[in-house]
């Protein structure tokens, strides 16, 4: 067996393992409740598919509200992350800032901090500000935790751009901010989309902060809502599968539509890091 074939088999096995839970989740969302968890499992098809789990998610539970909350929080956070990240990344990449190397190292270290370590201090802050059960209780912490990674991505992308772009703007009399928003950002769309999508994905799936800061049904996001489906003695697996299937749909669509820009944004500046 040649190396190429062996590598192909390994990649196929890894991909199958990664997609198996998603495949099982989708099948479970259309499997009657009496058959979920039964043996032998219906792995290839569902003999008697049903849509009752989707009805329970949207009719018997306020899953539509959870989706709206997640969309508002994730979109607002993404906007803040891209706006602030582009300003900081451009300054670090193009301006003579002393200590920019250690600053980027600190940024990298901060991006690795687990959110769980800051839960209690943040909870105390949100409580004193009377921000619990509100959108800003999630938008501000999400922005803080996703900003370092965004700065890293955009900084590397800006380093890969020719300086002639900026010089042409300066020759025409444009200032730094005009050059950034009129010249640099329009040609940095792949990098901006990469940073935006990573921030959106992180906010869309975050659980622990959403559970701690927003405890009311009117302000819950999708991960918390799915986790609380069912009752004290009953776990609504079918409803959870249906809700999770709907939850991953926007992510899958975004990746399919913008996959080229994501790859371009990740690869740009990789040598310059």
C-alpha atoms as a PDB file:
ATOM      1  CA  UNK A   1       0.000   0.000   0.000  1.00  0.00           C
ATOM      2  CA  UNK A   2       1.527   3.334  -1.045  1.00  0.00           C
ATOM      3  CA  UNK A   3       1.704   6.303   1.270  1.00  0.00           C
ATOM      4  CA  UNK A   4      -0.912   8.298  -0.608  1.00  0.00           C
ATOM      5  CA  UNK A   5      -3.506   5.560  -0.274  1.00  0.00           C
ATOM      6  CA  UNK A   6      -2.712   5.052   3.398  1.00  0.00           C
ATOM      7  CA  UNK A   7      -3.042   8.772   4.037  1.00  0.00           C
ATOM      8  CA  UNK A   8      -6.350   8.813   2.205  1.00  0.00           C
ATOM      9  CA  UNK A   9      -7.692   5.974   4.364  1.00  0.00           C
ATOM     10  CA  UNK A  10      -6.582   7.755   7.541  1.00  0.00           C
ATOM     11  CA  UNK A  11      -8.200  11.027   6.471  1.00  0.00           C
ATOM     12  CA  UNK A  12     -11.422   9.208   5.562  1.00  0.00           C
ATOM     13  CA  UNK A  13     -11.472   7.479   8.955  1.00  0.00           C
ATOM     14  CA  UNK A  14     -10.906  10.766  10.798  1.00  0.00           C
ATOM     15  CA  UNK A  15     -13.634  12.480   8.771  1.00  0.00           C
ATOM     16  CA  UNK A  16     -16.038   9.601   9.432  1.00  0.00           C
ATOM     17  CA  UNK A  17     -15.380   9.774  13.176  1.00  0.00           C
ATOM     18  CA  UNK A  18     -15.919  13.536  13.161  1.00  0.00           C
ATOM     19  CA  UNK A  19     -19.180  13.355  11.219  1.00  0.00           C
ATOM     20  CA  UNK A  20     -20.609  10.275  12.946  1.00  0.00           C
ATOM     21  CA  UNK A  21     -22.103  12.188  15.931  1.00  0.00           C
ATOM     22  CA  UNK A  22     -23.742  14.714  13.600  1.00  0.00           C
ATOM     23  CA  UNK A  23     -25.154  11.930  11.434  1.00  0.00           C
ATOM     24  CA  UNK A  24     -26.487  10.115  14.510  1.00  0.00           C
ATOM     25  CA  UNK A  25     -27.988  13.355  15.809  1.00  0.00           C
ATOM     26  CA  UNK A  26     -29.861  14.013  12.556  1.00  0.00           C
ATOM     27  CA  UNK A  27     -31.193  10.459  12.470  1.00  0.00           C
ATOM     28  CA  UNK A  28     -32.251  10.756  16.111  1.00  0.00           C
ATOM     29  CA  UNK A  29     -34.181  13.933  15.360  1.00  0.00           C
ATOM     30  CA  UNK A  30     -36.555  12.004  13.070  1.00  0.00           C
ATOM     31  CA  UNK A  31     -36.632   8.736  15.038  1.00  0.00           C
ATOM     32  CA  UNK A  32     -39.722   7.987  17.157  1.00  0.00           C
ATOM     33  CA  UNK A  33     -39.071   8.436  20.869  1.00  0.00           C
ATOM     34  CA  UNK A  34     -39.699   4.752  21.548  1.00  0.00           C
ATOM     35  CA  UNK A  35     -36.896   3.766  19.166  1.00  0.00           C
ATOM     36  CA  UNK A  36     -34.212   6.188  20.380  1.00  0.00           C
ATOM     37  CA  UNK A  37     -31.577   4.227  22.250  1.00  0.00           C
ATOM     38  CA  UNK A  38     -33.031   0.876  21.229  1.00  0.00           C
ATOM     39  CA  UNK A  39     -30.973  -2.053  19.989  1.00  0.00           C
ATOM     40  CA  UNK A  40     -30.101  -2.645  17.245  1.00  0.00           C
ATOM     41  CA  UNK A  41     -29.837   1.055  16.361  1.00  0.00           C
ATOM     42  CA  UNK A  42     -31.173   2.352  13.070  1.00  0.00           C
ATOM     43  CA  UNK A  43     -27.842   3.492  11.663  1.00  0.00           C
ATOM     44  CA  UNK A  44     -28.499   3.690   7.929  1.00  0.00           C
ATOM     45  CA  UNK A  45     -32.117   4.833   7.809  1.00  0.00           C
ATOM     46  CA  UNK A  46     -35.207   5.369   9.968  1.00  0.00           C
ATOM     47  CA  UNK A  47     -38.012   2.932   9.266  1.00  0.00           C
ATOM     48  CA  UNK A  48     -40.795   5.248  10.438  1.00  0.00           C
ATOM     49  CA  UNK A  49     -39.478   8.835  10.464  1.00  0.00           C
ATOM     50  CA  UNK A  50     -41.361  11.488  12.405  1.00  0.00           C
ATOM     51  CA  UNK A  51     -41.270  15.261  12.693  1.00  0.00           C
ATOM     52  CA  UNK A  52     -42.808  15.422  16.148  1.00  0.00           C
ATOM     53  CA  UNK A  53     -39.500  16.308  17.788  1.00  0.00           C
ATOM     54  CA  UNK A  54     -39.207  19.477  15.695  1.00  0.00           C
ATOM     55  CA  UNK A  55     -42.782  20.377  16.631  1.00  0.00           C
ATOM     56  CA  UNK A  56     -41.983  19.923  20.311  1.00  0.00           C
ATOM     57  CA  UNK A  57     -38.876  22.098  20.010  1.00  0.00           C
ATOM     58  CA  UNK A  58     -40.661  25.057  18.402  1.00  0.00           C
ATOM     59  CA  UNK A  59     -44.230  24.707  19.741  1.00  0.00           C
ATOM     60  CA  UNK A  60     -43.985  23.167  23.191  1.00  0.00           C
ATOM     61  CA  UNK A  61     -40.696  24.943  23.916  1.00  0.00           C
ATOM     62  CA  UNK A  62     -39.678  28.550  23.091  1.00  0.00           C
ATOM     63  CA  UNK A  63     -36.840  27.449  20.814  1.00  0.00           C
ATOM     64  CA  UNK A  64     -37.603  30.284  18.405  1.00  0.00           C
ATOM     65  CA  UNK A  65     -36.867  32.766  21.212  1.00  0.00           C
ATOM     66  CA  UNK A  66     -33.610  30.997  21.941  1.00  0.00           C
ATOM     67  CA  UNK A  67     -32.595  31.307  18.286  1.00  0.00           C
ATOM     68  CA  UNK A  68     -33.378  35.025  18.200  1.00  0.00           C
ATOM     69  CA  UNK A  69     -31.358  35.587  21.389  1.00  0.00           C
ATOM     70  CA  UNK A  70     -28.390  33.644  20.026  1.00  0.00           C
ATOM     71  CA  UNK A  71     -28.568  35.506  16.720  1.00  0.00           C
ATOM     72  CA  UNK A  72     -28.636  38.931  18.415  1.00  0.00           C
ATOM     73  CA  UNK A  73     -25.787  38.094  20.795  1.00  0.00           C
ATOM     74  CA  UNK A  74     -23.594  36.376  18.192  1.00  0.00           C
ATOM     75  CA  UNK A  75     -24.121  39.055  15.528  1.00  0.00           C
ATOM     76  CA  UNK A  76     -23.524  41.967  17.921  1.00  0.00           C
ATOM     77  CA  UNK A  77     -20.409  40.332  19.342  1.00  0.00           C
ATOM     78  CA  UNK A  78     -19.067  39.573  15.882  1.00  0.00           C
ATOM     79  CA  UNK A  79     -19.504  43.204  14.832  1.00  0.00           C
ATOM     80  CA  UNK A  80     -17.661  44.443  17.928  1.00  0.00           C
ATOM     81  CA  UNK A  81     -14.870  41.888  17.539  1.00  0.00           C
ATOM     82  CA  UNK A  82     -14.249  42.708  13.876  1.00  0.00           C
ATOM     83  CA  UNK A  83     -14.413  46.476  14.452  1.00  0.00           C
ATOM     84  CA  UNK A  84     -12.086  46.564  17.452  1.00  0.00           C
ATOM     85  CA  UNK A  85      -9.893  43.748  16.144  1.00  0.00           C
ATOM     86  CA  UNK A  86      -9.261  45.454  12.807  1.00  0.00           C
ATOM     87  CA  UNK A  87      -8.204  48.694  14.528  1.00  0.00           C
ATOM     88  CA  UNK A  88      -5.865  46.950  16.961  1.00  0.00           C
ATOM     89  CA  UNK A  89      -4.439  44.554  14.376  1.00  0.00           C
ATOM     90  CA  UNK A  90      -3.720  47.324  11.873  1.00  0.00           C
ATOM     91  CA  UNK A  91      -1.968  49.418  14.514  1.00  0.00           C
ATOM     92  CA  UNK A  92       0.229  46.484  15.572  1.00  0.00           C
ATOM     93  CA  UNK A  93       0.983  45.429  11.993  1.00  0.00           C
ATOM     94  CA  UNK A  94       1.736  48.813  10.441  1.00  0.00           C
ATOM     95  CA  UNK A  95       2.615  51.343  13.126  1.00  0.00           C
ATOM     96  CA  UNK A  96       5.931  51.603  15.015  1.00  0.00           C
ATOM     97  CA  UNK A  97       4.672  50.478  18.410  1.00  0.00           C
ATOM     98  CA  UNK A  98       7.358  49.685  20.969  1.00  0.00           C
ATOM     99  CA  UNK A  99       6.940  46.272  22.508  1.00  0.00           C
ATOM    100  CA  UNK A 100       4.568  44.992  19.840  1.00  0.00           C
ATOM    101  CA  UNK A 101       6.187  41.541  20.052  1.00  0.00           C
ATOM    102  CA  UNK A 102       5.563  41.083  23.804  1.00  0.00           C
ATOM    103  CA  UNK A 103       2.110  42.623  23.304  1.00  0.00           C
ATOM    104  CA  UNK A 104       1.205  39.943  20.782  1.00  0.00           C
ATOM    105  CA  UNK A 105       2.577  37.280  23.112  1.00  0.00           C
ATOM    106  CA  UNK A 106       0.365  38.570  25.921  1.00  0.00           C
ATOM    107  CA  UNK A 107      -2.571  38.602  23.520  1.00  0.00           C
ATOM    108  CA  UNK A 108      -1.893  34.971  22.623  1.00  0.00           C
ATOM    109  CA  UNK A 109      -1.674  33.973  26.292  1.00  0.00           C
ATOM    110  CA  UNK A 110      -4.921  35.783  27.112  1.00  0.00           C
ATOM    111  CA  UNK A 111      -6.716  33.988  24.269  1.00  0.00           C
ATOM    112  CA  UNK A 112      -5.901  30.644  25.915  1.00  0.00           C
ATOM    113  CA  UNK A 113      -7.508  31.511  29.265  1.00  0.00           C
ATOM    114  CA  UNK A 114     -10.561  29.307  29.974  1.00  0.00           C
ATOM    115  CA  UNK A 115     -13.779  31.254  30.367  1.00  0.00           C
ATOM    116  CA  UNK A 116     -14.574  29.259  33.481  1.00  0.00           C
ATOM    117  CA  UNK A 117     -11.768  30.994  35.395  1.00  0.00           C
ATOM    118  CA  UNK A 118     -13.493  34.366  35.002  1.00  0.00           C
ATOM    119  CA  UNK A 119     -17.084  33.292  35.641  1.00  0.00           C
ATOM    120  CA  UNK A 120     -17.367  34.382  39.282  1.00  0.00           C
ATOM    121  CA  UNK A 121     -15.700  37.831  38.906  1.00  0.00           C
ATOM    122  CA  UNK A 122     -17.769  38.514  35.809  1.00  0.00           C
ATOM    123  CA  UNK A 123     -20.945  37.404  37.561  1.00  0.00           C
ATOM    124  CA  UNK A 124     -20.252  39.830  40.406  1.00  0.00           C
ATOM    125  CA  UNK A 125     -19.648  42.655  37.920  1.00  0.00           C
ATOM    126  CA  UNK A 126     -22.832  41.900  35.963  1.00  0.00           C
ATOM    127  CA  UNK A 127     -24.851  41.727  39.168  1.00  0.00           C
ATOM    128  CA  UNK A 128     -23.550  45.079  40.431  1.00  0.00           C
ATOM    129  CA  UNK A 129     -24.282  46.664  37.055  1.00  0.00           C
ATOM    130  CA  UNK A 130     -27.779  45.096  37.010  1.00  0.00           C
ATOM    131  CA  UNK A 131     -26.952  43.485  33.673  1.00  0.00           C
ATOM    132  CA  UNK A 132     -27.947  39.906  34.476  1.00  0.00           C
ATOM    133  CA  UNK A 133     -30.530  38.472  32.068  1.00  0.00           C
ATOM    134  CA  UNK A 134     -29.660  40.938  29.324  1.00  0.00           C
ATOM    135  CA  UNK A 135     -27.924  40.884  25.972  1.00  0.00           C
ATOM    136  CA  UNK A 136     -24.973  42.986  27.139  1.00  0.00           C
ATOM    137  CA  UNK A 137     -24.251  40.448  29.876  1.00  0.00           C
ATOM    138  CA  UNK A 138     -23.074  38.132  27.103  1.00  0.00           C
ATOM    139  CA  UNK A 139     -21.978  40.516  24.347  1.00  0.00           C
ATOM    140  CA  UNK A 140     -19.297  42.283  26.391  1.00  0.00           C
ATOM    141  CA  UNK A 141     -17.602  39.140  27.841  1.00  0.00           C
ATOM    142  CA  UNK A 142     -17.841  37.369  24.478  1.00  0.00           C
ATOM    143  CA  UNK A 143     -16.175  40.332  22.804  1.00  0.00           C
ATOM    144  CA  UNK A 144     -13.361  40.347  25.358  1.00  0.00           C
ATOM    145  CA  UNK A 145     -12.680  36.623  25.006  1.00  0.00           C
ATOM    146  CA  UNK A 146     -12.852  36.519  21.194  1.00  0.00           C
ATOM    147  CA  UNK A 147     -10.930  39.723  20.504  1.00  0.00           C
ATOM    148  CA  UNK A 148      -7.361  38.321  21.001  1.00  0.00           C
ATOM    149  CA  UNK A 149      -7.806  35.600  18.378  1.00  0.00           C
ATOM    150  CA  UNK A 150      -9.329  38.109  15.980  1.00  0.00           C
ATOM    151  CA  UNK A 151      -6.343  40.412  16.446  1.00  0.00           C
ATOM    152  CA  UNK A 152      -3.966  37.557  15.656  1.00  0.00           C
ATOM    153  CA  UNK A 153      -5.769  36.618  12.448  1.00  0.00           C
ATOM    154  CA  UNK A 154      -6.133  40.191  11.168  1.00  0.00           C
ATOM    155  CA  UNK A 155      -2.617  41.217  12.170  1.00  0.00           C
ATOM    156  CA  UNK A 156      -1.148  38.371  10.090  1.00  0.00           C
ATOM    157  CA  UNK A 157      -3.408  39.272   7.189  1.00  0.00           C
ATOM    158  CA  UNK A 158      -2.407  42.945   7.270  1.00  0.00           C
ATOM    159  CA  UNK A 159       1.283  41.973   7.352  1.00  0.00           C
ATOM    160  CA  UNK A 160       0.765  40.128   4.075  1.00  0.00           C
ATOM    161  CA  UNK A 161      -0.597  43.193   2.264  1.00  0.00           C
ATOM    162  CA  UNK A 162       1.810  45.309   0.163  1.00  0.00           C
ATOM    163  CA  UNK A 163       2.576  48.711   1.652  1.00  0.00           C
ATOM    164  CA  UNK A 164       1.928  50.256  -1.743  1.00  0.00           C
ATOM    165  CA  UNK A 165      -1.791  50.168  -0.933  1.00  0.00           C
ATOM    166  CA  UNK A 166      -1.332  52.613   1.927  1.00  0.00           C
ATOM    167  CA  UNK A 167       1.292  54.712   0.182  1.00  0.00           C
ATOM    168  CA  UNK A 168      -1.068  55.395  -2.711  1.00  0.00           C
ATOM    169  CA  UNK A 169      -3.675  56.668  -0.251  1.00  0.00           C
ATOM    170  CA  UNK A 170      -1.199  58.850   1.606  1.00  0.00           C
ATOM    171  CA  UNK A 171      -0.051  60.355  -1.702  1.00  0.00           C
ATOM    172  CA  UNK A 172      -3.662  61.358  -2.402  1.00  0.00           C
ATOM    173  CA  UNK A 173      -3.829  63.101   0.975  1.00  0.00           C
ATOM    174  CA  UNK A 174      -5.838  60.511   2.909  1.00  0.00           C
ATOM    175  CA  UNK A 175      -5.294  60.070   6.635  1.00  0.00           C
ATOM    176  CA  UNK A 176      -4.635  56.826   8.457  1.00  0.00           C
ATOM    177  CA  UNK A 177      -8.284  56.074   9.243  1.00  0.00           C
ATOM    178  CA  UNK A 178      -9.352  56.918   5.681  1.00  0.00           C
ATOM    179  CA  UNK A 179      -6.670  54.598   4.306  1.00  0.00           C
ATOM    180  CA  UNK A 180      -7.761  51.834   6.661  1.00  0.00           C
ATOM    181  CA  UNK A 181     -11.486  51.987   5.867  1.00  0.00           C
ATOM    182  CA  UNK A 182     -11.267  52.941   2.188  1.00  0.00           C
ATOM    183  CA  UNK A 183      -8.287  50.868   1.028  1.00  0.00           C
ATOM    184  CA  UNK A 184      -7.099  48.258   3.529  1.00  0.00           C
ATOM    185  CA  UNK A 185     -10.383  46.797   4.779  1.00  0.00           C
ATOM    186  CA  UNK A 186     -11.958  46.349   1.306  1.00  0.00           C
ATOM    187  CA  UNK A 187      -8.982  44.222   0.199  1.00  0.00           C
ATOM    188  CA  UNK A 188      -8.947  42.342   3.525  1.00  0.00           C
ATOM    189  CA  UNK A 189     -12.401  40.819   3.201  1.00  0.00           C
ATOM    190  CA  UNK A 190     -11.158  37.182   3.483  1.00  0.00           C
ATOM    191  CA  UNK A 191      -9.348  37.960   6.735  1.00  0.00           C
ATOM    192  CA  UNK A 192     -12.302  39.894   8.106  1.00  0.00           C
ATOM    193  CA  UNK A 193     -14.712  37.083   7.262  1.00  0.00           C
ATOM    194  CA  UNK A 194     -12.437  34.518   8.882  1.00  0.00           C
ATOM    195  CA  UNK A 195     -12.251  36.493  12.117  1.00  0.00           C
ATOM    196  CA  UNK A 196     -15.997  37.159  11.987  1.00  0.00           C
ATOM    197  CA  UNK A 197     -16.956  33.537  11.436  1.00  0.00           C
ATOM    198  CA  UNK A 198     -14.726  32.241  14.231  1.00  0.00           C
ATOM    199  CA  UNK A 199     -16.201  34.803  16.620  1.00  0.00           C
ATOM    200  CA  UNK A 200     -19.740  33.959  15.484  1.00  0.00           C
ATOM    201  CA  UNK A 201     -19.177  30.220  15.931  1.00  0.00           C
ATOM    202  CA  UNK A 202     -17.717  30.710  19.411  1.00  0.00           C
ATOM    203  CA  UNK A 203     -20.669  32.840  20.553  1.00  0.00           C
ATOM    204  CA  UNK A 204     -23.255  30.600  18.904  1.00  0.00           C
ATOM    205  CA  UNK A 205     -22.087  27.523  20.823  1.00  0.00           C
ATOM    206  CA  UNK A 206     -20.948  29.012  24.163  1.00  0.00           C
ATOM    207  CA  UNK A 207     -22.703  27.469  27.160  1.00  0.00           C
ATOM    208  CA  UNK A 208     -21.251  28.225  30.590  1.00  0.00           C
ATOM    209  CA  UNK A 209     -21.486  32.038  30.505  1.00  0.00           C
ATOM    210  CA  UNK A 210     -24.931  31.937  28.914  1.00  0.00           C
ATOM    211  CA  UNK A 211     -26.124  29.562  31.621  1.00  0.00           C
ATOM    212  CA  UNK A 212     -24.644  31.675  34.444  1.00  0.00           C
ATOM    213  CA  UNK A 213     -25.558  35.195  33.334  1.00  0.00           C
ATOM    214  CA  UNK A 214     -28.933  34.665  31.627  1.00  0.00           C
ATOM    215  CA  UNK A 215     -31.169  32.359  33.637  1.00  0.00           C
ATOM    216  CA  UNK A 216     -34.622  33.421  32.440  1.00  0.00           C
ATOM    217  CA  UNK A 217     -36.410  31.729  29.543  1.00  0.00           C
ATOM    218  CA  UNK A 218     -36.750  35.048  27.700  1.00  0.00           C
ATOM    219  CA  UNK A 219     -32.962  35.604  27.553  1.00  0.00           C
ATOM    220  CA  UNK A 220     -31.613  32.064  27.133  1.00  0.00           C
ATOM    221  CA  UNK A 221     -29.519  31.191  24.111  1.00  0.00           C
ATOM    222  CA  UNK A 222     -29.634  27.996  22.065  1.00  0.00           C
ATOM    223  CA  UNK A 223     -27.048  25.874  23.980  1.00  0.00           C
ATOM    224  CA  UNK A 224     -28.706  26.593  27.334  1.00  0.00           C
ATOM    225  CA  UNK A 225     -32.181  26.035  25.929  1.00  0.00           C
ATOM    226  CA  UNK A 226     -31.208  22.650  24.483  1.00  0.00           C
ATOM    227  CA  UNK A 227     -29.557  21.622  27.740  1.00  0.00           C
ATOM    228  CA  UNK A 228     -32.731  22.371  29.685  1.00  0.00           C
ATOM    229  CA  UNK A 229     -35.152  20.472  27.441  1.00  0.00           C
ATOM    230  CA  UNK A 230     -37.095  17.764  29.235  1.00  0.00           C
ATOM    231  CA  UNK A 231     -38.040  17.469  32.902  1.00  0.00           C
ATOM    232  CA  UNK A 232     -36.632  16.328  36.203  1.00  0.00           C
ATOM    233  CA  UNK A 233     -36.975  12.620  35.429  1.00  0.00           C
ATOM    234  CA  UNK A 234     -37.253  12.653  31.642  1.00  0.00           C
ATOM    235  CA  UNK A 235     -34.622  13.613  29.068  1.00  0.00           C
ATOM    236  CA  UNK A 236     -36.165  14.633  25.753  1.00  0.00           C
ATOM    237  CA  UNK A 237     -33.478  13.191  23.500  1.00  0.00           C
ATOM    238  CA  UNK A 238     -35.513  13.520  20.328  1.00  0.00           C
ATOM    239  CA  UNK A 239     -36.315  17.166  20.990  1.00  0.00           C
ATOM    240  CA  UNK A 240     -32.689  17.875  21.851  1.00  0.00           C
ATOM    241  CA  UNK A 241     -31.536  16.194  18.630  1.00  0.00           C
ATOM    242  CA  UNK A 242     -34.019  18.219  16.579  1.00  0.00           C
ATOM    243  CA  UNK A 243     -33.000  21.496  18.184  1.00  0.00           C
ATOM    244  CA  UNK A 244     -29.308  20.699  17.763  1.00  0.00           C
ATOM    245  CA  UNK A 245     -29.854  19.849  14.081  1.00  0.00           C
ATOM    246  CA  UNK A 246     -31.463  23.261  13.541  1.00  0.00           C
ATOM    247  CA  UNK A 247     -28.678  24.893  15.550  1.00  0.00           C
ATOM    248  CA  UNK A 248     -25.856  23.600  13.350  1.00  0.00           C
ATOM    249  CA  UNK A 249     -27.613  24.480  10.088  1.00  0.00           C
ATOM    250  CA  UNK A 250     -26.481  28.169  10.000  1.00  0.00           C
ATOM    251  CA  UNK A 251     -22.898  27.139  10.782  1.00  0.00           C
ATOM    252  CA  UNK A 252     -22.845  24.536   8.011  1.00  0.00           C
ATOM    253  CA  UNK A 253     -24.278  27.008   5.504  1.00  0.00           C
ATOM    254  CA  UNK A 254     -21.773  29.698   6.433  1.00  0.00           C
ATOM    255  CA  UNK A 255     -18.835  27.314   6.098  1.00  0.00           C
ATOM    256  CA  UNK A 256     -20.057  26.027   2.730  1.00  0.00           C
ATOM    257  CA  UNK A 257     -20.684  29.506   1.332  1.00  0.00           C
ATOM    258  CA  UNK A 258     -17.513  31.168   2.620  1.00  0.00           C
ATOM    259  CA  UNK A 259     -15.079  28.221   2.702  1.00  0.00           C
ATOM    260  CA  UNK A 260     -12.678  29.827   0.217  1.00  0.00           C
ATOM    261  CA  UNK A 261     -12.498  33.050   2.185  1.00  0.00           C
ATOM    262  CA  UNK A 262     -11.972  31.137   5.430  1.00  0.00           C
ATOM    263  CA  UNK A 263      -9.039  29.198   3.977  1.00  0.00           C
ATOM    264  CA  UNK A 264      -7.594  32.351   2.403  1.00  0.00           C
ATOM    265  CA  UNK A 265      -7.889  34.268   5.657  1.00  0.00           C
ATOM    266  CA  UNK A 266      -6.187  31.522   7.661  1.00  0.00           C
ATOM    267  CA  UNK A 267      -3.349  31.030   5.165  1.00  0.00           C
ATOM    268  CA  UNK A 268      -2.588  34.707   4.521  1.00  0.00           C
ATOM    269  CA  UNK A 269       0.338  35.909   6.560  1.00  0.00           C
ATOM    270  CA  UNK A 270       1.177  32.407   7.797  1.00  0.00           C
ATOM    271  CA  UNK A 271       4.816  32.822   6.803  1.00  0.00           C
ATOM    272  CA  UNK A 272       5.118  36.293   8.269  1.00  0.00           C
ATOM    273  CA  UNK A 273       3.502  35.470  11.689  1.00  0.00           C
END
